[in-house]
Amino acid sequence: MSENRDNSVVSHFFSHREEDFEYAPFDREMAFYESICSGNMEFVKMFAEPLFCEGCGTLSRDPLRNMKYHFTISTALIARFCVGSGMTPEQAYSLSDVFINRADECTSIQAVRSMHDEMIGEYTRQMRILRSSKLYSKRILRAVEYISEHLHSRVLIEETAKSLRITPSYLSRLFKSETGMTFSAYVNQRKIEEATGLLRYSDYSDLEISSLLCFSSQSYFIKIFKKVMGMTPNEYKKRYRLPVFKEN
């Protein structure tokens, strides 16, 4: 019940606030690619544009072929951004080949759009795995994956351990041994990393961000943010917020 309520809060804020402000096209595009490369699916959904949206060039008079051309361009760009962020060229271009070939077999515009969403999701998932796989064992990698998928809810060590089929005390020792941090400290750090993106790319208030990330209170969120980042959320926003949001 609690997780459903938390998810509804996230959906409410994202759908409500996206209707209230506009992004500079180039800033939004760069934020989209950065979100994929960081493995952040929430931001990917926030910044993604429909395949062949308004303002895109017409590459073929045939609507389906035109859509496939744009799919190919989008996939090639994402593959190159991921290579620049650490994915091996072999993996990035193999994924690109697979998805472009699958899109080529599509017989409808909607099928190509669906394939585009699947392609974006797979690159994002692979980049998220890549960021952690070099650092941790498979068990801690799974724990990190679980935490990443539940940042917008309360992340409890008991629930995480249950998903791994191990005891909370064992997970606690393993986490400290491999990450050098306690479980709760790691969760807080990941939530703050998420918060920095919201501060840079949106006009959410501290209260809204603390609610989105399920901190117990706004004051606790500010306290943890300052501990992790060395400055308050407001100071971070003034220093790093994208120009388009400062203007708005």
Protein backbone atom coordinates (compact mmCIF):
# COMPACT_ATOMS: atom_id res chain seq x y z
CA MET A 1 0.00 0.00 0.00
CA SER A 2 2.82 2.44 0.96
CA GLU A 3 4.75 1.79 -2.25
CA ASN A 4 1.62 2.36 -4.36
CA ARG A 5 1.06 5.68 -2.59
CA ASP A 6 4.69 6.66 -3.17
CA ASN A 7 4.44 5.78 -6.85
CA SER A 8 1.29 7.86 -7.20
CA VAL A 9 3.10 10.85 -5.69
CA VAL A 10 5.92 10.45 -8.21
CA SER A 11 3.49 10.18 -11.11
CA HIS A 12 1.56 13.23 -9.90
CA PHE A 13 4.61 15.47 -9.63
CA PHE A 14 6.16 14.39 -12.92
CA SER A 15 2.97 14.65 -14.97
CA HIS A 16 1.87 17.89 -13.30
CA ARG A 17 5.16 19.76 -13.51
CA GLU A 18 6.06 18.71 -17.04
CA GLU A 19 2.97 20.56 -18.26
CA ASP A 20 3.96 23.77 -16.49
CA PHE A 21 7.34 24.64 -17.99
CA GLU A 22 9.26 24.30 -21.24
CA TYR A 23 12.83 23.19 -21.88
CA ALA A 24 15.34 24.66 -24.29
CA PRO A 25 15.47 22.01 -27.06
CA PHE A 26 19.26 21.53 -26.98
CA ASP A 27 19.43 21.45 -23.16
CA ARG A 28 16.64 18.89 -23.11
CA GLU A 29 18.33 16.73 -25.73
CA MET A 30 21.62 16.74 -23.82
CA ALA A 31 19.81 15.96 -20.57
CA PHE A 32 18.14 13.01 -22.33
CA TYR A 33 21.45 11.53 -23.49
CA GLU A 34 23.07 12.18 -20.12
CA SER A 35 20.19 10.38 -18.41
CA ILE A 36 20.67 7.29 -20.58
CA CYS A 37 24.42 7.29 -19.95
CA SER A 38 23.91 7.58 -16.19
CA GLY A 39 21.37 4.75 -16.22
CA ASN A 40 18.63 6.97 -14.81
CA MET A 41 15.34 5.69 -16.22
CA GLU A 42 13.20 8.27 -14.39
CA PHE A 43 15.01 11.13 -16.13
CA VAL A 44 15.00 9.26 -19.43
CA LYS A 45 11.20 9.12 -19.27
CA MET A 46 11.10 12.77 -18.27
CA PHE A 47 13.21 14.04 -21.18
CA ALA A 48 12.37 11.57 -23.95
CA GLU A 49 10.58 12.93 -27.00
CA PRO A 50 8.34 10.81 -29.25
CA LEU A 51 10.20 9.34 -32.20
CA PHE A 52 9.84 11.76 -35.13
CA CYS A 53 8.30 14.64 -33.22
CA GLU A 54 7.52 18.18 -34.34
CA GLY A 55 10.59 19.91 -35.73
CA CYS A 56 12.25 16.72 -37.01
CA GLY A 57 13.16 16.62 -40.67
CA THR A 58 11.30 14.52 -43.23
CA LEU A 59 13.75 11.94 -44.58
CA SER A 60 11.32 10.01 -46.76
CA ARG A 61 7.89 10.61 -48.28
CA ASP A 62 6.88 7.16 -47.11
CA PRO A 63 5.77 7.59 -43.44
CA LEU A 64 6.94 4.15 -42.29
CA ARG A 65 10.31 4.42 -44.02
CA ASN A 66 10.70 7.94 -42.62
CA MET A 67 10.11 6.61 -39.11
CA LYS A 68 12.68 3.85 -39.60
CA TYR A 69 15.26 6.38 -40.79
CA HIS A 70 14.74 8.45 -37.65
CA PHE A 71 14.95 5.29 -35.53
CA THR A 72 18.34 4.51 -37.09
CA ILE A 73 19.66 8.01 -36.40
CA SER A 74 18.41 7.97 -32.80
CA THR A 75 19.94 4.54 -32.14
CA ALA A 76 23.29 5.52 -33.66
CA LEU A 77 23.48 8.68 -31.55
CA ILE A 78 22.61 6.86 -28.32
CA ALA A 79 25.19 4.16 -29.07
CA ARG A 80 27.91 6.78 -29.52
CA PHE A 81 26.99 8.66 -26.35
CA CYS A 82 27.12 5.37 -24.43
CA VAL A 83 30.56 4.57 -25.87
CA GLY A 84 31.71 7.99 -24.72
CA SER A 85 30.46 7.12 -21.22
CA GLY A 86 32.27 3.81 -20.91
CA MET A 87 30.29 1.16 -22.81
CA THR A 88 32.52 -0.88 -25.08
CA PRO A 89 32.09 -0.14 -28.79
CA GLU A 90 31.41 -3.85 -29.35
CA GLN A 91 28.45 -3.85 -26.96
CA ALA A 92 27.09 -0.46 -28.05
CA TYR A 93 27.22 -1.19 -31.77
CA SER A 94 25.98 -4.78 -31.37
CA LEU A 95 22.91 -3.46 -29.55
CA SER A 96 22.54 -0.85 -32.28
CA ASP A 97 22.65 -3.50 -35.02
CA VAL A 98 20.12 -5.70 -33.23
CA PHE A 99 17.58 -2.93 -32.71
CA ILE A 100 17.99 -1.38 -36.17
CA ASN A 101 17.42 -4.78 -37.77
CA ARG A 102 14.38 -5.42 -35.58
CA ALA A 103 12.97 -2.00 -36.45
CA ASP A 104 13.54 -2.69 -40.14
CA GLU A 105 11.19 -5.69 -39.83
CA CYS A 106 8.40 -3.60 -38.29
CA THR A 107 5.32 -3.19 -40.46
CA SER A 108 3.70 -0.21 -38.72
CA ILE A 109 4.67 3.19 -37.37
CA GLN A 110 3.44 2.24 -33.89
CA ALA A 111 5.64 -0.86 -33.91
CA VAL A 112 8.70 1.29 -34.67
CA ARG A 113 7.76 3.69 -31.86
CA SER A 114 7.45 0.77 -29.44
CA MET A 115 10.80 -0.58 -30.59
CA HIS A 116 12.31 2.85 -29.98
CA ASP A 117 11.08 2.83 -26.37
CA GLU A 118 12.48 -0.68 -25.92
CA MET A 119 15.85 0.38 -27.37
CA ILE A 120 16.13 3.39 -25.06
CA GLY A 121 15.22 1.26 -22.05
CA GLU A 122 17.81 -1.39 -22.88
CA TYR A 123 20.68 1.10 -23.34
CA THR A 124 19.70 2.79 -20.06
CA ARG A 125 19.59 -0.55 -18.21
CA GLN A 126 22.96 -1.63 -19.61
CA MET A 127 24.56 1.69 -18.61
CA ARG A 128 23.18 1.35 -15.09
CA ILE A 129 24.69 -2.13 -14.83
CA LEU A 130 27.97 -0.88 -16.27
CA ARG A 131 28.31 1.82 -13.62
CA SER A 132 28.25 -0.76 -10.84
CA SER A 133 29.57 -3.99 -12.33
CA LYS A 134 33.24 -3.02 -12.09
CA LEU A 135 32.95 -2.28 -8.38
CA TYR A 136 30.83 -4.94 -6.73
CA SER A 137 30.11 -8.64 -6.49
CA LYS A 138 27.00 -9.99 -8.20
CA ARG A 139 25.07 -10.02 -4.93
CA ILE A 140 25.83 -6.39 -4.10
CA LEU A 141 25.24 -5.47 -7.74
CA ARG A 142 21.73 -6.89 -7.39
CA ALA A 143 21.25 -4.92 -4.18
CA VAL A 144 22.41 -1.74 -5.93
CA GLU A 145 20.01 -2.48 -8.78
CA TYR A 146 17.16 -2.92 -6.30
CA ILE A 147 18.00 0.41 -4.64
CA SER A 148 18.13 2.19 -8.01
CA GLU A 149 14.69 0.87 -8.90
CA HIS A 150 13.15 2.01 -5.59
CA LEU A 151 14.63 5.49 -5.07
CA HIS A 152 11.15 7.01 -5.11
CA SER A 153 10.01 4.91 -2.17
CA ARG A 154 11.35 3.97 1.26
CA VAL A 155 14.30 1.63 0.71
CA LEU A 156 14.57 -0.75 3.65
CA ILE A 157 17.40 -3.21 4.17
CA GLU A 158 14.86 -5.87 5.20
CA GLU A 159 13.02 -5.64 1.87
CA THR A 160 16.26 -5.50 -0.10
CA ALA A 161 17.65 -8.56 1.68
CA LYS A 162 14.39 -10.40 1.11
CA SER A 163 14.64 -9.74 -2.64
CA LEU A 164 18.13 -11.31 -2.55
CA ARG A 165 17.03 -14.20 -0.30
CA ILE A 166 19.63 -13.41 2.36
CA THR A 167 19.39 -12.04 5.89
CA PRO A 168 19.50 -8.30 6.60
CA SER A 169 22.51 -8.72 8.92
CA TYR A 170 24.48 -10.54 6.20
CA LEU A 171 23.58 -7.92 3.61
CA SER A 172 24.62 -5.18 6.04
CA ARG A 173 28.07 -6.74 6.55
CA LEU A 174 28.50 -7.41 2.83
CA PHE A 175 27.48 -3.88 1.91
CA LYS A 176 29.89 -2.29 4.34
CA SER A 177 32.71 -4.57 3.23
CA GLU A 178 32.35 -3.86 -0.50
CA THR A 179 31.18 -0.25 -0.62
CA GLY A 180 32.82 1.08 2.53
CA MET A 181 29.44 2.54 3.47
CA THR A 182 26.52 1.44 5.57
CA PHE A 183 23.39 0.42 3.69
CA SER A 184 21.46 3.52 4.80
CA ALA A 185 24.35 5.84 3.91
CA TYR A 186 24.51 4.37 0.41
CA VAL A 187 20.77 4.75 -0.06
CA ASN A 188 20.94 8.38 1.05
CA GLN A 189 23.83 9.06 -1.34
CA ARG A 190 21.92 7.59 -4.27
CA LYS A 191 18.83 9.61 -3.40
CA ILE A 192 20.94 12.78 -3.23
CA GLU A 193 22.43 11.97 -6.64
CA GLU A 194 18.87 11.75 -7.94
CA ALA A 195 18.04 15.03 -6.23
CA THR A 196 20.93 16.85 -7.95
CA GLY A 197 19.41 15.97 -11.32
CA LEU A 198 16.03 17.32 -10.26
CA LEU A 199 17.65 20.52 -9.03
CA ARG A 200 19.51 20.97 -12.33
CA TYR A 201 16.78 19.95 -14.76
CA SER A 202 13.49 20.95 -13.16
CA ASP A 203 11.84 23.63 -11.05
CA TYR A 204 10.81 21.32 -8.21
CA SER A 205 11.00 22.84 -4.74
CA ASP A 206 12.97 21.28 -1.87
CA LEU A 207 9.70 20.09 -0.38
CA GLU A 208 8.61 18.40 -3.60
CA ILE A 209 11.98 16.70 -4.06
CA SER A 210 12.01 15.46 -0.47
CA SER A 211 8.52 14.01 -1.09
CA LEU A 212 9.49 12.47 -4.43
CA LEU A 213 12.46 10.71 -2.84
CA CYS A 214 10.57 9.76 0.33
CA PHE A 215 12.72 11.59 2.86
CA SER A 216 11.01 11.79 6.26
CA SER A 217 10.93 15.60 6.09
CA GLN A 218 12.19 18.55 4.09
CA SER A 219 14.63 19.51 6.86
CA TYR A 220 16.11 15.98 6.90
CA PHE A 221 16.50 16.09 3.12
CA ILE A 222 18.38 19.40 3.35
CA LYS A 223 20.56 18.01 6.14
CA ILE A 224 21.52 14.89 4.17
CA PHE A 225 22.02 16.89 0.97
CA LYS A 226 24.46 19.23 2.71
CA LYS A 227 26.30 16.29 4.27
CA VAL A 228 26.75 14.57 0.91
CA MET A 229 27.28 17.58 -1.37
CA GLY A 230 28.83 20.09 1.01
CA MET A 231 26.18 22.70 0.24
CA THR A 232 22.43 23.17 0.61
CA PRO A 233 20.01 22.28 -2.23
CA ASN A 234 19.40 26.00 -2.78
CA GLU A 235 23.12 26.70 -3.11
CA TYR A 236 23.49 23.78 -5.52
CA LYS A 237 20.56 25.02 -7.59
CA LYS A 238 22.03 28.52 -7.89
CA ARG A 239 25.38 27.14 -8.98
CA TYR A 240 24.41 24.31 -11.35
CA ARG A 241 20.86 24.83 -12.58
CA LEU A 242 20.55 24.99 -16.36
CA PRO A 243 20.12 28.53 -17.73
CA VAL A 244 16.67 27.83 -19.17
CA PHE A 245 15.31 27.07 -15.68
CA LYS A 246 16.98 30.10 -14.15
CA GLU A 247 15.23 32.27 -16.73
CA ASN A 248 11.86 30.66 -16.03
